[in-house]
Amino acid sequence: MSDKSDAGGTGEEIDTACRDLVEIVTDYLEGALDPSMSHAVESHRAKCPGCDESVAQIRPTVSLRGLVPTHPP
């Protein structure tokens, strides 16, 4: 995820960071990102209410995904 979402960034730079977050949100919620990338996501969420809300909405689905068998019994 590009860290172009720092305070003072242009709208286009923040949009880029938002698109980046969409690509990695599942890995973030599953704890599969390296610590520096997780920190970048958390930093972006702290500055972007839209992305923070999106992550909050996706979290229950990702949590349940691990409970559903991938193959029928």
Protein backbone atom coordinates (compact mmCIF):
# COMPACT_ATOMS: atom_id res chain seq x y z
CA MET A 1 0.00 0.00 0.00
CA SER A 2 1.44 3.32 -0.91
CA ASP A 3 1.69 5.59 2.09
CA LYS A 4 0.66 8.68 0.14
CA SER A 5 -2.26 9.27 2.46
CA ASP A 6 -0.26 11.35 4.93
CA ALA A 7 -1.94 14.50 6.13
CA GLY A 8 -1.73 17.13 3.46
CA GLY A 9 -1.90 14.61 0.62
CA THR A 10 -3.98 15.42 -2.41
CA GLY A 11 -7.34 13.80 -2.96
CA GLU A 12 -5.83 11.75 -5.77
CA GLU A 13 -3.08 10.44 -3.47
CA ILE A 14 -5.65 9.45 -0.83
CA ASP A 15 -7.78 7.76 -3.50
CA THR A 16 -4.73 5.74 -4.52
CA ALA A 17 -4.20 4.62 -0.93
CA CYS A 18 -7.90 3.71 -0.67
CA ARG A 19 -7.68 1.56 -3.81
CA ASP A 20 -4.55 -0.08 -2.41
CA LEU A 21 -6.37 -0.88 0.84
CA VAL A 22 -9.22 -2.57 -1.04
CA GLU A 23 -6.66 -4.92 -2.62
CA ILE A 24 -5.19 -6.05 0.72
CA VAL A 25 -8.04 -5.71 3.24
CA THR A 26 -8.63 -9.47 3.55
CA ASP A 27 -4.94 -10.14 4.19
CA TYR A 28 -4.95 -7.31 6.74
CA LEU A 29 -7.95 -8.73 8.60
CA GLU A 30 -6.49 -12.24 8.56
CA GLY A 31 -3.18 -10.98 9.97
CA ALA A 32 -1.29 -12.07 6.86
CA LEU A 33 0.48 -8.74 6.21
CA ASP A 34 3.97 -7.98 7.41
CA PRO A 35 4.12 -5.55 10.36
CA SER A 36 5.12 -2.53 8.27
CA MET A 37 2.23 -3.04 5.86
CA SER A 38 -0.22 -3.55 8.74
CA HIS A 39 1.04 -0.30 10.25
CA ALA A 40 0.49 1.48 6.92
CA VAL A 41 -3.09 0.18 6.80
CA GLU A 42 -3.75 1.28 10.39
CA SER A 43 -2.24 4.69 9.68
CA HIS A 44 -4.44 5.12 6.62
CA ARG A 45 -7.56 3.99 8.50
CA ALA A 46 -6.86 6.57 11.20
CA LYS A 47 -6.95 9.31 8.54
CA CYS A 48 -9.68 7.97 6.27
CA PRO A 49 -13.14 7.46 7.79
CA GLY A 50 -14.40 5.81 4.59
CA CYS A 51 -11.75 3.10 4.63
CA ASP A 52 -12.12 2.64 8.38
CA GLU A 53 -15.85 2.05 7.91
CA SER A 54 -15.22 -0.33 4.99
CA VAL A 55 -12.84 -2.42 7.06
CA ALA A 56 -15.36 -2.51 9.92
CA GLN A 57 -18.06 -3.72 7.50
CA ILE A 58 -15.84 -6.40 5.93
CA ARG A 59 -14.44 -7.74 9.23
CA PRO A 60 -17.47 -9.96 10.12
CA THR A 61 -17.47 -11.58 6.68
CA VAL A 62 -13.76 -12.37 6.86
CA SER A 63 -14.22 -13.75 10.39
CA LEU A 64 -17.00 -16.08 9.26
CA ARG A 65 -15.15 -17.20 6.16
CA GLY A 66 -12.85 -19.35 8.27
CA LEU A 67 -15.85 -21.19 9.74
CA VAL A 68 -17.28 -22.28 6.39
CA PRO A 69 -15.89 -25.49 4.93
CA THR A 70 -14.33 -24.99 1.52
CA HIS A 71 -15.29 -28.48 0.37
CA PRO A 72 -18.63 -30.23 0.91
CA PRO A 73 -18.53 -33.08 3.44
